[in-house]
């Protein structure tokens, strides 16, 4: 009789479980059946006072009650949770036509973008990219480039020297230009040579247009029969591609650099538009003028000889300019110091999207920050 009543009680418990309408109600039924003082828990505890014969008979039965109850609770819980999820999905919606919410994002620094633009332009003209260490020895940075011992560039107030010398007794310093890369290339590769050398350089100077660390790019061509005409064509092609204007006009002025002979400063014509200088135009108009952008010249025969090459056989030209200055001219910045402040607002204004990869077909200036 007791056995039948217990079965009926279990059936009622399972029926109540199957009809539970909320997860809270289901939890109350679980506690009343399987909790510390639950009905099924009480049955399991009663086994301790029974004989061995009764335990053998009732033990599997009571375990079956508990198993069936647990399975019913798990099944009803899954059903209630699925029902709740379906209701939530039916009531919630996303308008995919709305713009995405504003989220913090990074941007490509104008210097990095300009570096990529320069590499793309010169790669199209057959130049390879060469690199060298930023800590250089005195010979590659000065002596091999025909810079005399008394030259002001060697002074402590212009150059960052290290206290220790290298194994050969040479002074060590932070390179003041990327020209040592040209020396390393000429001493390690057989001509013909056609490279650009971009990178960081260091000089003891700081104001609105100078910083102790800045970026420079230099070009070098070593071959037979090279002359100034090749240099002018290269620079003209480069500047037209970089500024994306066909009316870029160059003016070469005689100058002096220890490592080139003859040497020339390169000016580019500009016009005044809305009070700002814009590259392009003849430079002689009343609303424009000339602006210096490059230093260049034919590689000095002594530099070629210092690198172990015969200057009677090999000739070449070299040029160099500041990457930061080119970025300022192209993208309308007026203070070089802001390049290194890390101001998120400045980077957000002048930065580039990560996918704005410069190509000559799509335009190297595509994607400038608004």
Foldseek 3Di string as FASTA:
>chain_A
DVVVVVVVVLVVLLVQLLPDQAPVSLVVSCCCDPNPPHPLVVVQVVLVPDDPVVCVVCVVVSVVSVVVNVVSSVVSVVVNVVVVVVVVVVVDDDDPVDDDDDDDDAFAFLLNLLVLLLCQLVVVVVAAEFEDDQKDFPCLQAVLLQHDPPHPCPDVQWWAWDPDHDPVRTTITGRQAQSSRVLVDLLPDDDQHWYKYKDKGATNDDDQPDDRIFIKMKIKGKAFPDDVVVVVVVVLSSVCQLLVHPQKDKDWDFDDDSFAPRKTFIKIKWFADPNDTATGDDQPDPRIHIDTFKIKHKGDQSSSVSSVHHSVGMIMMMMMGTSLVSSCRRQPDRGSVVSPPPDVVVCQQQGFHPPLRAHSVVGSPPGGGD
